[in-house]
PDB file of N, CA and C in Angstrom:
ATOM      1  N   UNK A   1     -19.138  30.731   5.908  1.00  0.00           N
ATOM      2  CA  UNK A   1     -20.007  29.911   6.737  1.00  0.00           C
ATOM      3  C   UNK A   1     -20.663  30.770   7.803  1.00  0.00           C
ATOM      4  N   UNK A   2     -21.879  30.455   8.073  1.00  0.00           N
ATOM      5  CA  UNK A   2     -22.567  31.170   9.132  1.00  0.00           C
ATOM      6  C   UNK A   2     -22.284  30.492  10.467  1.00  0.00           C
ATOM      7  N   UNK A   3     -22.528  31.217  11.518  1.00  0.00           N
ATOM      8  CA  UNK A   3     -22.258  30.689  12.855  1.00  0.00           C
ATOM      9  C   UNK A   3     -23.068  29.426  13.139  1.00  0.00           C
ATOM     10  N   UNK A   4     -24.323  29.364  12.696  1.00  0.00           N
ATOM     11  CA  UNK A   4     -25.162  28.176  12.913  1.00  0.00           C
ATOM     12  C   UNK A   4     -24.539  26.941  12.265  1.00  0.00           C
ATOM     13  N   UNK A   5     -23.999  27.110  11.089  1.00  0.00           N
ATOM     14  CA  UNK A   5     -23.375  25.996  10.378  1.00  0.00           C
ATOM     15  C   UNK A   5     -22.122  25.534  11.111  1.00  0.00           C
ATOM     16  N   UNK A   6     -21.328  26.468  11.615  1.00  0.00           N
ATOM     17  CA  UNK A   6     -20.110  26.123  12.343  1.00  0.00           C
ATOM     18  C   UNK A   6     -20.452  25.351  13.615  1.00  0.00           C
ATOM     19  N   UNK A   7     -21.486  25.780  14.322  1.00  0.00           N
ATOM     20  CA  UNK A   7     -21.887  25.103  15.557  1.00  0.00           C
ATOM     21  C   UNK A   7     -22.366  23.694  15.247  1.00  0.00           C
ATOM     22  N   UNK A   8     -23.124  23.510  14.186  1.00  0.00           N
ATOM     23  CA  UNK A   8     -23.609  22.179  13.812  1.00  0.00           C
ATOM     24  C   UNK A   8     -22.456  21.251  13.451  1.00  0.00           C
ATOM     25  N   UNK A   9     -21.494  21.760  12.721  1.00  0.00           N
ATOM     26  CA  UNK A   9     -20.330  20.961  12.344  1.00  0.00           C
ATOM     27  C   UNK A   9     -19.538  20.584  13.592  1.00  0.00           C
ATOM     28  N   UNK A  10     -19.385  21.527  14.508  1.00  0.00           N
ATOM     29  CA  UNK A  10     -18.647  21.282  15.736  1.00  0.00           C
ATOM     30  C   UNK A  10     -19.316  20.194  16.575  1.00  0.00           C
ATOM     31  N   UNK A  11     -20.625  20.235  16.701  1.00  0.00           N
ATOM     32  CA  UNK A  11     -21.360  19.231  17.469  1.00  0.00           C
ATOM     33  C   UNK A  11     -21.236  17.867  16.793  1.00  0.00           C
ATOM     34  N   UNK A  12     -21.342  17.848  15.473  1.00  0.00           N
ATOM     35  CA  UNK A  12     -21.220  16.590  14.742  1.00  0.00           C
ATOM     36  C   UNK A  12     -19.821  16.005  14.934  1.00  0.00           C
ATOM     37  N   UNK A  13     -18.791  16.843  14.906  1.00  0.00           N
ATOM     38  CA  UNK A  13     -17.419  16.386  15.110  1.00  0.00           C
ATOM     39  C   UNK A  13     -17.266  15.723  16.475  1.00  0.00           C
ATOM     40  N   UNK A  14     -17.784  16.357  17.521  1.00  0.00           N
ATOM     41  CA  UNK A  14     -17.646  15.811  18.869  1.00  0.00           C
ATOM     42  C   UNK A  14     -18.431  14.517  19.037  1.00  0.00           C
ATOM     43  N   UNK A  15     -19.572  14.413  18.379  1.00  0.00           N
ATOM     44  CA  UNK A  15     -20.347  13.169  18.441  1.00  0.00           C
ATOM     45  C   UNK A  15     -19.588  12.033  17.766  1.00  0.00           C
ATOM     46  N   UNK A  16     -19.035  12.313  16.607  1.00  0.00           N
ATOM     47  CA  UNK A  16     -18.261  11.299  15.890  1.00  0.00           C
ATOM     48  C   UNK A  16     -17.036  10.896  16.715  1.00  0.00           C
ATOM     49  N   UNK A  17     -16.370  11.866  17.300  1.00  0.00           N
ATOM     50  CA  UNK A  17     -15.205  11.581  18.127  1.00  0.00           C
ATOM     51  C   UNK A  17     -15.584  10.727  19.336  1.00  0.00           C
ATOM     52  N   UNK A  18     -16.690  11.034  19.972  1.00  0.00           N
ATOM     53  CA  UNK A  18     -17.137  10.262  21.134  1.00  0.00           C
ATOM     54  C   UNK A  18     -17.446   8.817  20.749  1.00  0.00           C
ATOM     55  N   UNK A  19     -18.128   8.630  19.643  1.00  0.00           N
ATOM     56  CA  UNK A  19     -18.453   7.275  19.182  1.00  0.00           C
ATOM     57  C   UNK A  19     -17.170   6.516  18.844  1.00  0.00           C
ATOM     58  N   UNK A  20     -16.245   7.186  18.203  1.00  0.00           N
ATOM     59  CA  UNK A  20     -14.974   6.561  17.854  1.00  0.00           C
ATOM     60  C   UNK A  20     -14.211   6.121  19.105  1.00  0.00           C
ATOM     61  N   UNK A  21     -14.134   6.991  20.085  1.00  0.00           N
ATOM     62  CA  UNK A  21     -13.431   6.649  21.330  1.00  0.00           C
ATOM     63  C   UNK A  21     -14.118   5.511  22.076  1.00  0.00           C
ATOM     64  N   UNK A  22     -15.439   5.532  22.100  1.00  0.00           N
ATOM     65  CA  UNK A  22     -16.176   4.464  22.778  1.00  0.00           C
ATOM     66  C   UNK A  22     -16.039   3.129  22.049  1.00  0.00           C
ATOM     67  N   UNK A  23     -15.773   3.176  20.769  1.00  0.00           N
ATOM     68  CA  UNK A  23     -15.567   1.957  19.987  1.00  0.00           C
ATOM     69  C   UNK A  23     -14.146   1.434  20.147  1.00  0.00           C
ATOM     70  N   UNK A  24     -13.172   2.330  20.159  1.00  0.00           N
ATOM     71  CA  UNK A  24     -11.770   1.934  20.193  1.00  0.00           C
ATOM     72  C   UNK A  24     -11.317   1.514  21.597  1.00  0.00           C
ATOM     73  N   UNK A  25     -11.838   2.118  22.625  1.00  0.00           N
ATOM     74  CA  UNK A  25     -11.394   1.831  23.994  1.00  0.00           C
ATOM     75  C   UNK A  25     -11.524   0.351  24.366  1.00  0.00           C
ATOM     76  N   UNK A  26     -12.660  -0.292  24.128  1.00  0.00           N
ATOM     77  CA  UNK A  26     -12.745  -1.726  24.469  1.00  0.00           C
ATOM     78  C   UNK A  26     -11.800  -2.591  23.639  1.00  0.00           C
ATOM     79  N   UNK A  27     -11.575  -2.194  22.401  1.00  0.00           N
ATOM     80  CA  UNK A  27     -10.667  -2.965  21.542  1.00  0.00           C
ATOM     81  C   UNK A  27      -9.248  -2.889  22.094  1.00  0.00           C
ATOM     82  N   UNK A  28      -8.827  -1.705  22.506  1.00  0.00           N
ATOM     83  CA  UNK A  28      -7.481  -1.556  23.050  1.00  0.00           C
ATOM     84  C   UNK A  28      -7.325  -2.281  24.373  1.00  0.00           C
ATOM     85  N   UNK A  29      -8.345  -2.268  25.201  1.00  0.00           N
ATOM     86  CA  UNK A  29      -8.241  -2.973  26.475  1.00  0.00           C
ATOM     87  C   UNK A  29      -8.280  -4.478  26.274  1.00  0.00           C
ATOM     88  N   UNK A  30      -8.886  -4.939  25.194  1.00  0.00           N
ATOM     89  CA  UNK A  30      -8.926  -6.379  24.914  1.00  0.00           C
ATOM     90  C   UNK A  30      -7.541  -6.919  24.605  1.00  0.00           C
ATOM     91  N   UNK A  31      -6.656  -6.100  24.076  1.00  0.00           N
ATOM     92  CA  UNK A  31      -5.293  -6.551  23.802  1.00  0.00           C
ATOM     93  C   UNK A  31      -4.628  -7.018  25.087  1.00  0.00           C
ATOM     94  N   UNK A  32      -4.789  -6.280  26.145  1.00  0.00           N
ATOM     95  CA  UNK A  32      -4.214  -6.663  27.425  1.00  0.00           C
ATOM     96  C   UNK A  32      -4.867  -7.941  27.936  1.00  0.00           C
ATOM     97  N   UNK A  33      -6.148  -8.081  27.756  1.00  0.00           N
ATOM     98  CA  UNK A  33      -6.864  -9.263  28.212  1.00  0.00           C
ATOM     99  C   UNK A  33      -6.398 -10.502  27.458  1.00  0.00           C
ATOM    100  N   UNK A  34      -6.261 -10.399  26.147  1.00  0.00           N
ATOM    101  CA  UNK A  34      -5.813 -11.527  25.333  1.00  0.00           C
ATOM    102  C   UNK A  34      -4.400 -11.930  25.743  1.00  0.00           C
ATOM    103  N   UNK A  35      -3.553 -10.957  26.020  1.00  0.00           N
ATOM    104  CA  UNK A  35      -2.196 -11.238  26.471  1.00  0.00           C
ATOM    105  C   UNK A  35      -2.229 -12.016  27.793  1.00  0.00           C
ATOM    106  N   UNK A  36      -3.080 -11.605  28.702  1.00  0.00           N
ATOM    107  CA  UNK A  36      -3.212 -12.290  29.988  1.00  0.00           C
ATOM    108  C   UNK A  36      -3.724 -13.712  29.832  1.00  0.00           C
ATOM    109  N   UNK A  37      -4.669 -13.913  28.935  1.00  0.00           N
ATOM    110  CA  UNK A  37      -5.197 -15.264  28.694  1.00  0.00           C
ATOM    111  C   UNK A  37      -4.097 -16.143  28.118  1.00  0.00           C
ATOM    112  N   UNK A  38      -3.285 -15.587  27.243  1.00  0.00           N
ATOM    113  CA  UNK A  38      -2.171 -16.350  26.682  1.00  0.00           C
ATOM    114  C   UNK A  38      -1.192 -16.789  27.754  1.00  0.00           C
ATOM    115  N   UNK A  39      -0.900 -15.902  28.674  1.00  0.00           N
ATOM    116  CA  UNK A  39       0.002 -16.254  29.782  1.00  0.00           C
ATOM    117  C   UNK A  39      -0.618 -17.336  30.667  1.00  0.00           C
ATOM    118  N   UNK A  40      -1.906 -17.215  30.943  1.00  0.00           N
ATOM    119  CA  UNK A  40      -2.591 -18.212  31.774  1.00  0.00           C
ATOM    120  C   UNK A  40      -2.587 -19.583  31.105  1.00  0.00           C
ATOM    121  N   UNK A  41      -2.863 -19.619  29.803  1.00  0.00           N
ATOM    122  CA  UNK A  41      -2.861 -20.890  29.083  1.00  0.00           C
ATOM    123  C   UNK A  41      -1.464 -21.499  29.041  1.00  0.00           C
ATOM    124  N   UNK A  42      -0.470 -20.656  28.882  1.00  0.00           N
ATOM    125  CA  UNK A  42       0.913 -21.133  28.877  1.00  0.00           C
ATOM    126  C   UNK A  42       1.285 -21.741  30.231  1.00  0.00           C
ATOM    127  N   UNK A  43       0.905 -21.078  31.306  1.00  0.00           N
ATOM    128  CA  UNK A  43       1.175 -21.599  32.648  1.00  0.00           C
ATOM    129  C   UNK A  43       0.438 -22.916  32.876  1.00  0.00           C
ATOM    130  N   UNK A  44      -0.785 -23.012  32.408  1.00  0.00           N
ATOM    131  CA  UNK A  44      -1.551 -24.256  32.549  1.00  0.00           C
ATOM    132  C   UNK A  44      -0.872 -25.379  31.772  1.00  0.00           C
ATOM    133  N   UNK A  45      -0.398 -25.068  30.588  1.00  0.00           N
ATOM    134  CA  UNK A  45       0.308 -26.073  29.786  1.00  0.00           C
ATOM    135  C   UNK A  45       1.570 -26.559  30.472  1.00  0.00           C
ATOM    136  N   UNK A  46       2.315 -25.642  31.082  1.00  0.00           N
ATOM    137  CA  UNK A  46       3.525 -26.036  31.819  1.00  0.00           C
ATOM    138  C   UNK A  46       3.168 -26.938  33.002  1.00  0.00           C
ATOM    139  N   UNK A  47       2.071 -26.604  33.684  1.00  0.00           N
ATOM    140  CA  UNK A  47       1.625 -27.421  34.811  1.00  0.00           C
ATOM    141  C   UNK A  47       1.228 -28.818  34.375  1.00  0.00           C
ATOM    142  N   UNK A  48       0.527 -28.924  33.282  1.00  0.00           N
ATOM    143  CA  UNK A  48       0.110 -30.230  32.760  1.00  0.00           C
ATOM    144  C   UNK A  48       1.334 -31.041  32.344  1.00  0.00           C
ATOM    145  N   UNK A  49       2.283 -30.394  31.669  1.00  0.00           N
ATOM    146  CA  UNK A  49       3.499 -31.085  31.244  1.00  0.00           C
ATOM    147  C   UNK A  49       4.301 -31.558  32.451  1.00  0.00           C
ATOM    148  N   UNK A  50       4.378 -30.730  33.471  1.00  0.00           N
ATOM    149  CA  UNK A  50       5.110 -31.091  34.687  1.00  0.00           C
ATOM    150  C   UNK A  50       4.462 -32.304  35.356  1.00  0.00           C
ATOM    151  N   UNK A  51       3.149 -32.282  35.461  1.00  0.00           N
ATOM    152  CA  UNK A  51       2.422 -33.400  36.073  1.00  0.00           C
ATOM    153  C   UNK A  51       2.582 -34.669  35.241  1.00  0.00           C
ATOM    154  N   UNK A  52       2.511 -34.539  33.930  1.00  0.00           N
ATOM    155  CA  UNK A  52       2.682 -35.708  33.054  1.00  0.00           C
ATOM    156  C   UNK A  52       4.077 -36.298  33.222  1.00  0.00           C
ATOM    157  N   UNK A  53       5.090 -35.441  33.339  1.00  0.00           N
ATOM    158  CA  UNK A  53       6.447 -35.929  33.542  1.00  0.00           C
ATOM    159  C   UNK A  53       6.578 -36.667  34.876  1.00  0.00           C
ATOM    160  N   UNK A  54       5.941 -36.161  35.925  1.00  0.00           N
ATOM    161  CA  UNK A  54       5.974 -36.821  37.240  1.00  0.00           C
ATOM    162  C   UNK A  54       5.319 -38.192  37.197  1.00  0.00           C
ATOM    163  N   UNK A  55       4.163 -38.250  36.543  1.00  0.00           N
ATOM    164  CA  UNK A  55       3.399 -39.495  36.473  1.00  0.00           C
ATOM    165  C   UNK A  55       4.134 -40.533  35.644  1.00  0.00           C
ATOM    166  N   UNK A  56       4.742 -40.099  34.551  1.00  0.00           N
ATOM    167  CA  UNK A  56       5.426 -41.060  33.676  1.00  0.00           C
ATOM    168  C   UNK A  56       6.818 -41.412  34.180  1.00  0.00           C
ATOM    169  N   UNK A  57       7.302 -40.704  35.170  1.00  0.00           N
ATOM    170  CA  UNK A  57       8.614 -40.998  35.756  1.00  0.00           C
ATOM    171  C   UNK A  57       9.775 -40.390  34.991  1.00  0.00           C
ATOM    172  N   UNK A  58       9.517 -39.414  34.140  1.00  0.00           N
ATOM    173  CA  UNK A  58      10.597 -38.779  33.379  1.00  0.00           C
ATOM    174  C   UNK A  58      11.385 -37.784  34.200  1.00  0.00           C
ATOM    175  N   UNK A  59      10.877 -37.394  35.345  1.00  0.00           N
ATOM    176  CA  UNK A  59      11.592 -36.418  36.177  1.00  0.00           C
ATOM    177  C   UNK A  59      11.912 -36.976  37.513  1.00  0.00           C
TER     178      UNK A  59
END
């Protein structure tokens, strides 16, 4: 391989790597966000159940 070919391959590798990282980073951070939304919905459900129990006189 000539030096020009090696440099072109190297630049292409870094471009592909950059695109891959920019694609994967938001996906990985979304996992934490989805987990947080699940916790929030669970807490809201507990609050609704607690209020329903108070209103119906079960507690």
